[in-house]
N, C-alpha and C. Protein backbone atom coordinates (compact mmCIF):
# COMPACT_ATOMS: atom_id res chain seq x y z
N UNK A 1 -70.70 -114.26 -137.77
CA UNK A 1 -71.61 -115.36 -138.04
C UNK A 1 -70.82 -116.54 -138.56
N UNK A 2 -71.17 -117.70 -138.07
CA UNK A 2 -70.49 -118.93 -138.46
C UNK A 2 -70.92 -119.36 -139.84
N UNK A 3 -70.10 -120.20 -140.46
CA UNK A 3 -70.50 -120.78 -141.73
C UNK A 3 -71.54 -121.84 -141.51
N UNK A 4 -72.03 -122.47 -142.52
CA UNK A 4 -73.10 -123.45 -142.38
C UNK A 4 -72.79 -124.56 -141.37
N UNK A 5 -73.82 -125.08 -140.75
CA UNK A 5 -73.66 -126.06 -139.69
C UNK A 5 -72.79 -127.25 -140.08
N UNK A 6 -72.78 -127.59 -141.36
CA UNK A 6 -72.00 -128.76 -141.80
C UNK A 6 -70.51 -128.54 -141.54
N UNK A 7 -70.08 -127.31 -141.30
CA UNK A 7 -68.66 -127.06 -141.10
C UNK A 7 -68.31 -127.00 -139.63
N UNK A 8 -69.21 -127.19 -138.73
CA UNK A 8 -68.92 -127.18 -137.30
C UNK A 8 -67.99 -128.36 -137.00
N UNK A 9 -66.91 -128.09 -136.26
CA UNK A 9 -66.01 -129.16 -135.82
C UNK A 9 -66.52 -129.66 -134.45
N UNK A 10 -67.01 -130.88 -134.43
CA UNK A 10 -67.59 -131.43 -133.20
C UNK A 10 -66.81 -132.69 -132.76
N UNK A 11 -66.96 -133.01 -131.50
CA UNK A 11 -66.29 -134.25 -130.98
C UNK A 11 -66.97 -134.62 -129.67
N UNK A 12 -66.77 -135.85 -129.26
CA UNK A 12 -67.18 -136.30 -127.92
C UNK A 12 -65.93 -136.55 -127.10
N UNK A 13 -65.89 -136.05 -125.86
CA UNK A 13 -64.77 -136.29 -124.99
C UNK A 13 -65.27 -136.63 -123.58
N UNK A 14 -64.57 -137.51 -122.89
CA UNK A 14 -64.84 -137.78 -121.50
C UNK A 14 -63.94 -136.87 -120.69
N UNK A 15 -64.51 -136.25 -119.66
CA UNK A 15 -63.72 -135.34 -118.83
C UNK A 15 -64.14 -135.56 -117.40
N UNK A 16 -63.17 -135.58 -116.50
CA UNK A 16 -63.41 -135.80 -115.11
C UNK A 16 -63.96 -134.59 -114.36
N UNK A 17 -64.30 -134.80 -113.10
CA UNK A 17 -64.78 -133.74 -112.24
C UNK A 17 -63.68 -132.68 -112.05
N UNK A 18 -64.13 -131.40 -112.03
CA UNK A 18 -63.18 -130.32 -111.75
C UNK A 18 -63.87 -129.18 -111.04
N UNK A 19 -63.02 -128.34 -110.38
CA UNK A 19 -63.53 -127.19 -109.60
C UNK A 19 -63.28 -125.89 -110.38
N UNK A 20 -64.32 -125.05 -110.34
CA UNK A 20 -64.19 -123.72 -110.96
C UNK A 20 -64.35 -122.68 -109.86
N UNK A 21 -63.44 -121.69 -109.82
CA UNK A 21 -63.52 -120.57 -108.87
C UNK A 21 -64.03 -119.38 -109.70
N UNK A 22 -65.09 -118.74 -109.24
CA UNK A 22 -65.63 -117.64 -110.02
C UNK A 22 -66.75 -116.89 -109.30
N UNK A 23 -67.58 -116.21 -110.11
CA UNK A 23 -68.78 -115.53 -109.58
C UNK A 23 -69.94 -116.23 -110.21
N UNK A 24 -70.99 -116.46 -109.40
CA UNK A 24 -72.15 -117.23 -109.86
C UNK A 24 -73.40 -116.44 -109.57
N UNK A 25 -74.36 -116.50 -110.47
CA UNK A 25 -75.65 -115.84 -110.30
C UNK A 25 -76.71 -116.62 -111.12
N UNK A 26 -77.98 -116.41 -110.78
CA UNK A 26 -79.05 -117.03 -111.57
C UNK A 26 -78.99 -116.51 -112.99
N UNK A 27 -79.32 -117.41 -113.96
CA UNK A 27 -79.21 -117.08 -115.37
C UNK A 27 -80.47 -117.43 -116.12
N UNK A 28 -80.68 -116.76 -117.22
CA UNK A 28 -81.77 -117.07 -118.15
C UNK A 28 -81.27 -116.88 -119.57
N UNK A 29 -82.11 -117.20 -120.53
CA UNK A 29 -81.71 -117.03 -121.93
C UNK A 29 -81.48 -115.56 -122.27
N UNK A 30 -82.05 -114.66 -121.48
CA UNK A 30 -81.88 -113.22 -121.74
C UNK A 30 -80.64 -112.67 -121.04
N UNK A 31 -79.95 -113.44 -120.22
CA UNK A 31 -78.79 -112.96 -119.51
C UNK A 31 -77.65 -112.57 -120.47
N UNK A 32 -76.94 -111.54 -120.10
CA UNK A 32 -75.75 -111.09 -120.81
C UNK A 32 -74.58 -111.53 -119.98
N UNK A 33 -73.99 -112.66 -120.35
CA UNK A 33 -72.95 -113.28 -119.52
C UNK A 33 -71.65 -112.44 -119.43
N UNK A 34 -71.46 -111.55 -120.35
CA UNK A 34 -70.24 -110.70 -120.24
C UNK A 34 -70.27 -109.87 -118.96
N UNK A 35 -71.47 -109.61 -118.44
CA UNK A 35 -71.57 -108.85 -117.15
C UNK A 35 -70.92 -109.66 -116.01
N UNK A 36 -71.05 -110.98 -116.02
CA UNK A 36 -70.46 -111.83 -115.01
C UNK A 36 -68.92 -111.71 -115.06
N UNK A 37 -68.37 -111.68 -116.26
CA UNK A 37 -66.90 -111.58 -116.42
C UNK A 37 -66.42 -110.25 -115.91
N UNK A 38 -67.12 -109.16 -116.15
CA UNK A 38 -66.75 -107.87 -115.61
C UNK A 38 -66.77 -107.90 -114.09
N UNK A 39 -67.81 -108.50 -113.53
CA UNK A 39 -67.94 -108.63 -112.07
C UNK A 39 -66.79 -109.49 -111.51
N UNK A 40 -66.44 -110.57 -112.19
CA UNK A 40 -65.33 -111.44 -111.74
C UNK A 40 -64.04 -110.66 -111.62
N UNK A 41 -63.67 -109.95 -112.66
CA UNK A 41 -62.41 -109.22 -112.64
C UNK A 41 -62.42 -108.07 -111.61
N UNK A 42 -63.60 -107.46 -111.44
CA UNK A 42 -63.76 -106.40 -110.44
C UNK A 42 -63.52 -106.99 -109.06
N UNK A 43 -64.12 -108.16 -108.77
CA UNK A 43 -63.99 -108.82 -107.50
C UNK A 43 -62.51 -109.22 -107.24
N UNK A 44 -61.83 -109.73 -108.26
CA UNK A 44 -60.42 -110.10 -108.09
C UNK A 44 -59.54 -108.90 -107.78
N UNK A 45 -59.85 -107.76 -108.37
CA UNK A 45 -59.05 -106.55 -108.16
C UNK A 45 -59.18 -105.93 -106.77
N UNK A 46 -60.31 -106.24 -106.12
CA UNK A 46 -60.58 -105.64 -104.77
C UNK A 46 -59.63 -106.15 -103.75
N UNK A 47 -59.37 -105.32 -102.75
CA UNK A 47 -58.57 -105.72 -101.59
C UNK A 47 -57.10 -105.56 -101.83
N UNK A 48 -56.34 -105.85 -100.79
CA UNK A 48 -54.87 -105.58 -100.83
C UNK A 48 -54.14 -106.55 -101.70
N UNK A 49 -54.68 -107.73 -102.01
CA UNK A 49 -54.02 -108.74 -102.82
C UNK A 49 -54.53 -108.76 -104.25
N UNK A 50 -55.22 -107.71 -104.71
CA UNK A 50 -55.81 -107.67 -106.03
C UNK A 50 -54.86 -108.00 -107.15
N UNK A 51 -53.68 -107.39 -107.12
CA UNK A 51 -52.70 -107.62 -108.16
C UNK A 51 -52.23 -109.05 -108.17
N UNK A 52 -52.03 -109.59 -106.96
CA UNK A 52 -51.59 -111.01 -106.84
C UNK A 52 -52.68 -111.96 -107.32
N UNK A 53 -53.91 -111.68 -107.04
CA UNK A 53 -55.02 -112.53 -107.50
C UNK A 53 -55.12 -112.50 -109.02
N UNK A 54 -55.01 -111.33 -109.59
CA UNK A 54 -55.10 -111.24 -111.05
C UNK A 54 -53.95 -112.01 -111.70
N UNK A 55 -52.76 -111.90 -111.12
CA UNK A 55 -51.58 -112.66 -111.60
C UNK A 55 -51.80 -114.16 -111.45
N UNK A 56 -52.45 -114.57 -110.35
CA UNK A 56 -52.66 -115.99 -110.10
C UNK A 56 -53.58 -116.63 -111.11
N UNK A 57 -54.56 -115.87 -111.62
CA UNK A 57 -55.52 -116.44 -112.57
C UNK A 57 -55.10 -116.32 -114.02
N UNK A 58 -54.07 -115.55 -114.26
CA UNK A 58 -53.63 -115.27 -115.62
C UNK A 58 -53.38 -116.49 -116.48
N UNK A 59 -52.84 -117.54 -115.88
CA UNK A 59 -52.49 -118.75 -116.62
C UNK A 59 -53.54 -119.85 -116.49
N UNK A 60 -54.62 -119.59 -115.74
CA UNK A 60 -55.65 -120.61 -115.54
C UNK A 60 -56.64 -120.60 -116.71
N UNK A 61 -57.27 -121.74 -116.96
CA UNK A 61 -58.26 -121.90 -118.01
C UNK A 61 -59.54 -121.16 -117.63
N UNK A 62 -59.95 -120.22 -118.50
CA UNK A 62 -61.23 -119.50 -118.29
C UNK A 62 -62.40 -120.36 -118.80
N UNK A 63 -63.43 -120.42 -118.01
CA UNK A 63 -64.60 -121.16 -118.39
C UNK A 63 -65.86 -120.44 -117.88
N UNK A 64 -66.92 -120.53 -118.69
CA UNK A 64 -68.24 -120.13 -118.26
C UNK A 64 -69.02 -121.42 -118.06
N UNK A 65 -69.70 -121.54 -116.90
CA UNK A 65 -70.38 -122.79 -116.57
C UNK A 65 -71.89 -122.49 -116.37
N UNK A 66 -72.71 -123.14 -117.15
CA UNK A 66 -74.15 -123.07 -116.99
C UNK A 66 -74.61 -124.39 -116.42
N UNK A 67 -75.26 -124.33 -115.22
CA UNK A 67 -75.71 -125.56 -114.54
C UNK A 67 -77.14 -125.36 -114.05
N UNK A 68 -77.90 -126.49 -114.00
CA UNK A 68 -79.21 -126.40 -113.37
C UNK A 68 -79.04 -125.98 -111.90
N UNK A 69 -79.97 -125.16 -111.41
CA UNK A 69 -79.84 -124.82 -109.97
C UNK A 69 -80.31 -125.99 -109.13
N UNK A 70 -80.18 -125.87 -107.84
CA UNK A 70 -80.43 -126.98 -106.92
C UNK A 70 -81.79 -127.64 -107.09
N UNK A 71 -82.83 -126.89 -107.37
CA UNK A 71 -84.17 -127.47 -107.48
C UNK A 71 -84.58 -127.69 -108.94
N UNK A 72 -83.67 -127.55 -109.89
CA UNK A 72 -83.91 -127.75 -111.30
C UNK A 72 -84.98 -126.83 -111.86
N UNK A 73 -85.28 -125.70 -111.16
CA UNK A 73 -86.29 -124.80 -111.63
C UNK A 73 -85.68 -123.73 -112.57
N UNK A 74 -84.40 -123.63 -112.57
CA UNK A 74 -83.72 -122.62 -113.40
C UNK A 74 -82.28 -123.02 -113.57
N UNK A 75 -81.44 -122.05 -113.84
CA UNK A 75 -80.00 -122.31 -114.03
C UNK A 75 -79.17 -121.20 -113.44
N UNK A 76 -77.89 -121.52 -113.21
CA UNK A 76 -76.93 -120.51 -112.78
C UNK A 76 -75.81 -120.43 -113.81
N UNK A 77 -75.16 -119.29 -113.85
CA UNK A 77 -73.98 -119.12 -114.71
C UNK A 77 -72.81 -118.75 -113.81
N UNK A 78 -71.70 -119.37 -114.02
CA UNK A 78 -70.47 -119.02 -113.31
C UNK A 78 -69.44 -118.62 -114.32
N UNK A 79 -68.86 -117.43 -114.12
CA UNK A 79 -67.71 -116.95 -114.92
C UNK A 79 -66.51 -117.22 -114.03
N UNK A 80 -65.56 -118.03 -114.50
CA UNK A 80 -64.45 -118.33 -113.61
C UNK A 80 -63.30 -119.04 -114.29
N UNK A 81 -62.52 -119.69 -113.43
CA UNK A 81 -61.30 -120.37 -113.83
C UNK A 81 -61.24 -121.77 -113.25
N UNK A 82 -60.75 -122.73 -114.01
CA UNK A 82 -60.52 -124.07 -113.46
C UNK A 82 -59.35 -123.94 -112.50
N UNK A 83 -59.53 -124.37 -111.26
CA UNK A 83 -58.46 -124.27 -110.24
C UNK A 83 -57.95 -125.65 -109.89
N UNK A 84 -56.65 -125.88 -110.07
CA UNK A 84 -56.09 -127.19 -109.82
C UNK A 84 -56.05 -127.55 -108.34
N UNK A 85 -56.03 -126.57 -107.46
CA UNK A 85 -55.94 -126.86 -106.04
C UNK A 85 -57.29 -127.00 -105.35
N UNK A 86 -58.36 -126.99 -106.12
CA UNK A 86 -59.71 -127.19 -105.58
C UNK A 86 -60.13 -126.05 -104.66
N UNK A 87 -60.78 -126.43 -103.57
CA UNK A 87 -61.39 -125.44 -102.66
C UNK A 87 -60.38 -124.49 -102.06
N UNK A 88 -59.15 -124.92 -101.80
CA UNK A 88 -58.17 -124.00 -101.23
C UNK A 88 -57.85 -122.85 -102.19
N UNK A 89 -57.85 -123.17 -103.52
CA UNK A 89 -57.63 -122.09 -104.51
C UNK A 89 -58.84 -121.16 -104.57
N UNK A 90 -60.03 -121.71 -104.43
CA UNK A 90 -61.26 -120.92 -104.46
C UNK A 90 -61.21 -119.92 -103.28
N UNK A 91 -60.89 -120.43 -102.06
CA UNK A 91 -60.80 -119.57 -100.87
C UNK A 91 -59.73 -118.50 -101.04
N UNK A 92 -58.56 -118.88 -101.54
CA UNK A 92 -57.45 -117.94 -101.71
C UNK A 92 -57.82 -116.78 -102.64
N UNK A 93 -58.65 -117.10 -103.64
CA UNK A 93 -59.04 -116.07 -104.61
C UNK A 93 -60.25 -115.27 -104.10
N UNK A 94 -60.93 -115.74 -103.03
CA UNK A 94 -62.11 -115.06 -102.51
C UNK A 94 -63.31 -115.19 -103.40
N UNK A 95 -63.39 -116.27 -104.12
CA UNK A 95 -64.50 -116.48 -105.08
C UNK A 95 -65.44 -117.63 -104.67
N UNK A 96 -66.47 -117.85 -105.45
CA UNK A 96 -67.39 -118.96 -105.22
C UNK A 96 -66.84 -120.21 -105.96
N UNK A 97 -66.98 -121.40 -105.33
CA UNK A 97 -66.54 -122.61 -105.95
C UNK A 97 -67.72 -123.37 -106.52
N UNK A 98 -67.52 -123.93 -107.73
CA UNK A 98 -68.53 -124.75 -108.34
C UNK A 98 -67.88 -126.05 -108.83
N UNK A 99 -68.42 -127.19 -108.39
CA UNK A 99 -67.89 -128.48 -108.80
C UNK A 99 -68.64 -128.90 -110.06
N UNK A 100 -67.88 -129.06 -111.13
CA UNK A 100 -68.44 -129.50 -112.41
C UNK A 100 -68.28 -131.04 -112.52
N UNK A 101 -69.37 -131.71 -112.79
CA UNK A 101 -69.32 -133.19 -112.74
C UNK A 101 -68.61 -133.80 -113.95
N UNK A 102 -68.05 -134.97 -113.68
CA UNK A 102 -67.45 -135.75 -114.76
C UNK A 102 -68.58 -136.16 -115.70
N UNK A 103 -68.30 -136.20 -117.00
CA UNK A 103 -69.31 -136.53 -117.99
C UNK A 103 -68.68 -136.79 -119.33
N UNK A 104 -69.50 -137.31 -120.20
CA UNK A 104 -69.19 -137.33 -121.65
C UNK A 104 -69.71 -135.99 -122.18
N UNK A 105 -68.79 -135.26 -122.78
CA UNK A 105 -69.17 -133.92 -123.29
C UNK A 105 -69.14 -133.92 -124.81
N UNK A 106 -70.17 -133.34 -125.40
CA UNK A 106 -70.18 -133.02 -126.81
C UNK A 106 -69.55 -131.66 -126.93
N UNK A 107 -68.63 -131.50 -127.86
CA UNK A 107 -67.91 -130.21 -128.01
C UNK A 107 -68.03 -129.68 -129.42
N UNK A 108 -67.98 -128.39 -129.55
CA UNK A 108 -67.98 -127.74 -130.84
C UNK A 108 -67.08 -126.53 -130.78
N UNK A 109 -66.31 -126.34 -131.86
CA UNK A 109 -65.42 -125.18 -132.00
C UNK A 109 -66.21 -124.05 -132.64
N UNK A 110 -66.18 -122.87 -132.05
CA UNK A 110 -66.86 -121.71 -132.66
C UNK A 110 -65.85 -120.57 -132.77
N UNK A 111 -66.17 -119.63 -133.66
CA UNK A 111 -65.30 -118.50 -133.89
C UNK A 111 -66.09 -117.22 -133.94
N UNK A 112 -65.57 -116.18 -133.30
CA UNK A 112 -66.23 -114.88 -133.31
C UNK A 112 -65.85 -114.09 -132.10
N UNK A 113 -66.09 -112.79 -132.16
CA UNK A 113 -65.77 -111.86 -131.08
C UNK A 113 -66.69 -112.09 -129.87
N UNK A 114 -66.11 -111.92 -128.71
CA UNK A 114 -66.89 -111.86 -127.47
C UNK A 114 -66.73 -110.47 -126.91
N UNK A 115 -67.81 -109.68 -126.98
CA UNK A 115 -67.76 -108.28 -126.61
C UNK A 115 -68.64 -107.97 -125.40
N UNK A 116 -68.16 -107.09 -124.55
CA UNK A 116 -68.88 -106.69 -123.34
C UNK A 116 -70.27 -106.15 -123.71
N UNK A 117 -71.26 -106.57 -122.94
CA UNK A 117 -72.62 -106.08 -123.16
C UNK A 117 -73.39 -106.67 -124.32
N UNK A 118 -72.76 -107.60 -125.07
CA UNK A 118 -73.40 -108.21 -126.22
C UNK A 118 -73.52 -109.72 -126.05
N UNK A 119 -74.56 -110.30 -126.61
CA UNK A 119 -74.71 -111.74 -126.63
C UNK A 119 -74.01 -112.25 -127.90
N UNK A 120 -72.96 -113.08 -127.74
CA UNK A 120 -72.26 -113.55 -128.93
C UNK A 120 -73.11 -114.59 -129.66
N UNK A 121 -73.52 -114.25 -130.90
CA UNK A 121 -74.41 -115.14 -131.64
C UNK A 121 -73.72 -116.46 -132.00
N UNK A 122 -72.41 -116.44 -132.17
CA UNK A 122 -71.73 -117.70 -132.53
C UNK A 122 -71.78 -118.72 -131.39
N UNK A 123 -71.87 -118.23 -130.16
CA UNK A 123 -72.01 -119.14 -129.03
C UNK A 123 -73.40 -119.76 -129.05
N UNK A 124 -74.41 -118.95 -129.23
CA UNK A 124 -75.80 -119.46 -129.32
C UNK A 124 -75.93 -120.46 -130.47
N UNK A 125 -75.34 -120.15 -131.64
CA UNK A 125 -75.42 -121.02 -132.79
C UNK A 125 -74.70 -122.36 -132.53
N UNK A 126 -73.55 -122.30 -131.82
CA UNK A 126 -72.80 -123.51 -131.54
C UNK A 126 -73.56 -124.45 -130.62
N UNK A 127 -74.15 -123.88 -129.56
CA UNK A 127 -74.96 -124.72 -128.68
C UNK A 127 -76.18 -125.26 -129.41
N UNK A 128 -76.79 -124.44 -130.23
CA UNK A 128 -77.96 -124.90 -130.98
C UNK A 128 -77.58 -126.04 -131.93
N UNK A 129 -76.42 -125.99 -132.57
CA UNK A 129 -75.96 -127.06 -133.42
C UNK A 129 -75.75 -128.35 -132.60
N UNK A 130 -75.15 -128.23 -131.45
CA UNK A 130 -74.93 -129.43 -130.60
C UNK A 130 -76.30 -130.05 -130.23
N UNK A 131 -77.24 -129.24 -129.86
CA UNK A 131 -78.55 -129.74 -129.35
C UNK A 131 -79.49 -130.23 -130.46
N UNK A 132 -79.43 -129.61 -131.64
CA UNK A 132 -80.41 -129.98 -132.66
C UNK A 132 -79.84 -130.90 -133.74
N UNK A 133 -78.52 -130.94 -133.90
CA UNK A 133 -77.91 -131.77 -134.95
C UNK A 133 -77.01 -132.87 -134.36
N UNK A 134 -75.99 -132.46 -133.64
CA UNK A 134 -74.97 -133.42 -133.20
C UNK A 134 -75.47 -134.41 -132.18
N UNK A 135 -76.08 -133.95 -131.07
CA UNK A 135 -76.54 -134.88 -130.05
C UNK A 135 -77.60 -135.86 -130.55
N UNK A 136 -78.62 -135.41 -131.29
CA UNK A 136 -79.57 -136.39 -131.84
C UNK A 136 -78.92 -137.41 -132.76
N UNK A 137 -77.94 -136.98 -133.52
CA UNK A 137 -77.27 -137.95 -134.44
C UNK A 137 -76.46 -139.01 -133.68
N UNK A 138 -76.13 -138.73 -132.45
CA UNK A 138 -75.36 -139.68 -131.63
C UNK A 138 -76.27 -140.38 -130.59
N UNK A 139 -77.54 -140.07 -130.65
CA UNK A 139 -78.53 -140.59 -129.69
C UNK A 139 -78.16 -140.24 -128.25
N UNK A 140 -77.81 -138.97 -128.07
CA UNK A 140 -77.47 -138.45 -126.75
C UNK A 140 -78.36 -137.28 -126.46
N UNK A 141 -78.52 -136.99 -125.17
CA UNK A 141 -79.32 -135.85 -124.70
C UNK A 141 -78.49 -135.05 -123.70
N UNK A 142 -78.71 -133.74 -123.69
CA UNK A 142 -77.97 -132.90 -122.74
C UNK A 142 -78.44 -133.09 -121.31
N UNK A 143 -77.50 -132.97 -120.37
CA UNK A 143 -77.86 -133.11 -118.93
C UNK A 143 -78.21 -131.80 -118.30
N UNK A 144 -77.91 -130.70 -118.98
CA UNK A 144 -78.16 -129.39 -118.40
C UNK A 144 -76.89 -128.66 -118.00
N UNK A 145 -75.72 -129.33 -118.08
CA UNK A 145 -74.45 -128.70 -117.77
C UNK A 145 -73.82 -128.28 -119.12
N UNK A 146 -73.49 -127.01 -119.22
CA UNK A 146 -72.92 -126.48 -120.46
C UNK A 146 -71.72 -125.63 -120.09
N UNK A 147 -70.66 -125.70 -120.93
CA UNK A 147 -69.44 -124.95 -120.67
C UNK A 147 -69.05 -124.10 -121.89
N UNK A 148 -68.54 -122.93 -121.59
CA UNK A 148 -67.85 -122.10 -122.59
C UNK A 148 -66.38 -122.21 -122.20
N UNK A 149 -65.59 -122.82 -123.04
CA UNK A 149 -64.15 -122.98 -122.76
C UNK A 149 -63.37 -122.02 -123.60
N UNK A 150 -62.89 -120.98 -122.94
CA UNK A 150 -62.24 -119.88 -123.69
C UNK A 150 -60.84 -120.22 -124.06
N UNK A 151 -60.49 -119.92 -125.31
CA UNK A 151 -59.14 -120.17 -125.81
C UNK A 151 -58.22 -118.97 -125.57
N UNK A 152 -56.96 -119.15 -125.96
CA UNK A 152 -56.04 -118.03 -125.81
C UNK A 152 -56.36 -116.95 -126.87
N UNK A 153 -55.77 -115.79 -126.72
CA UNK A 153 -55.96 -114.76 -127.75
C UNK A 153 -56.87 -113.64 -127.29
N UNK A 154 -57.09 -112.73 -128.19
CA UNK A 154 -57.91 -111.56 -127.93
C UNK A 154 -59.40 -111.87 -128.20
N UNK A 155 -60.17 -111.91 -127.12
CA UNK A 155 -61.58 -112.29 -127.23
C UNK A 155 -62.38 -111.33 -128.09
N UNK A 156 -61.93 -110.11 -128.27
CA UNK A 156 -62.72 -109.18 -129.06
C UNK A 156 -62.46 -109.28 -130.55
N UNK A 157 -61.55 -110.16 -130.96
CA UNK A 157 -61.23 -110.36 -132.37
C UNK A 157 -62.29 -111.19 -133.06
N UNK A 158 -62.64 -110.85 -134.29
CA UNK A 158 -63.64 -111.62 -135.04
C UNK A 158 -63.10 -113.04 -135.33
N UNK A 159 -61.81 -113.27 -135.20
CA UNK A 159 -61.21 -114.59 -135.43
C UNK A 159 -61.00 -115.37 -134.14
N UNK A 160 -61.50 -114.85 -133.01
CA UNK A 160 -61.32 -115.54 -131.72
C UNK A 160 -62.03 -116.90 -131.74
N UNK A 161 -61.31 -117.93 -131.27
CA UNK A 161 -61.85 -119.30 -131.27
C UNK A 161 -61.96 -119.85 -129.86
N UNK A 162 -63.04 -120.57 -129.60
CA UNK A 162 -63.28 -121.18 -128.31
C UNK A 162 -64.15 -122.40 -128.51
N UNK A 163 -64.22 -123.23 -127.47
CA UNK A 163 -65.02 -124.43 -127.53
C UNK A 163 -66.26 -124.29 -126.63
N UNK A 164 -67.33 -124.93 -127.05
CA UNK A 164 -68.56 -125.08 -126.25
C UNK A 164 -68.69 -126.57 -125.90
N UNK A 165 -69.01 -126.84 -124.65
CA UNK A 165 -69.16 -128.24 -124.23
C UNK A 165 -70.56 -128.40 -123.68
N UNK A 166 -71.19 -129.51 -123.94
CA UNK A 166 -72.48 -129.88 -123.34
C UNK A 166 -72.36 -131.29 -122.77
N UNK A 167 -72.59 -131.44 -121.47
CA UNK A 167 -72.58 -132.75 -120.83
C UNK A 167 -73.77 -133.55 -121.37
N UNK A 168 -73.55 -134.83 -121.60
CA UNK A 168 -74.55 -135.68 -122.25
C UNK A 168 -74.76 -136.97 -121.48
N UNK A 169 -75.87 -137.58 -121.83
CA UNK A 169 -76.20 -138.91 -121.36
C UNK A 169 -76.94 -139.64 -122.50
N UNK A 170 -77.05 -140.95 -122.43
CA UNK A 170 -77.71 -141.69 -123.49
C UNK A 170 -79.20 -141.42 -123.52
N UNK A 171 -79.74 -141.38 -124.73
CA UNK A 171 -81.15 -141.07 -124.90
C UNK A 171 -81.99 -142.25 -124.43
């Protein structure tokens, strides 16, 4: 559990468009996103180049991407990696490509374990802080694009740190 909201480290950053290679599926508030990560690694391991694919993503930035679906009736979640080579890297890895739009992002640093089969409460609390405290204080509103930007280290550690990003626009 995080400390009181007043201790959240928040910032605004501008970030350009980027491509994520991963696995994508419809998502809801009840979704357990760790299942997507298990599916991603399972997919990478398949086939004759599985070891090479796993080695190729080892140094890439891991991100979870929540985006409105095409008709804005729901959302999708993508567990994946930012790929510098764009679509050619997506194809080489045999994954789905998602283009994340350039935006002004509100960010917050959160700490806590990310465990398979569990919803990490610190992630929910971090996004809640951005949406109920930070964005209103800056007169910004979320666009519907949200990122989990995973840091280095052991994700199952209670001291694991990562950033949450929410794309914003002026209110």
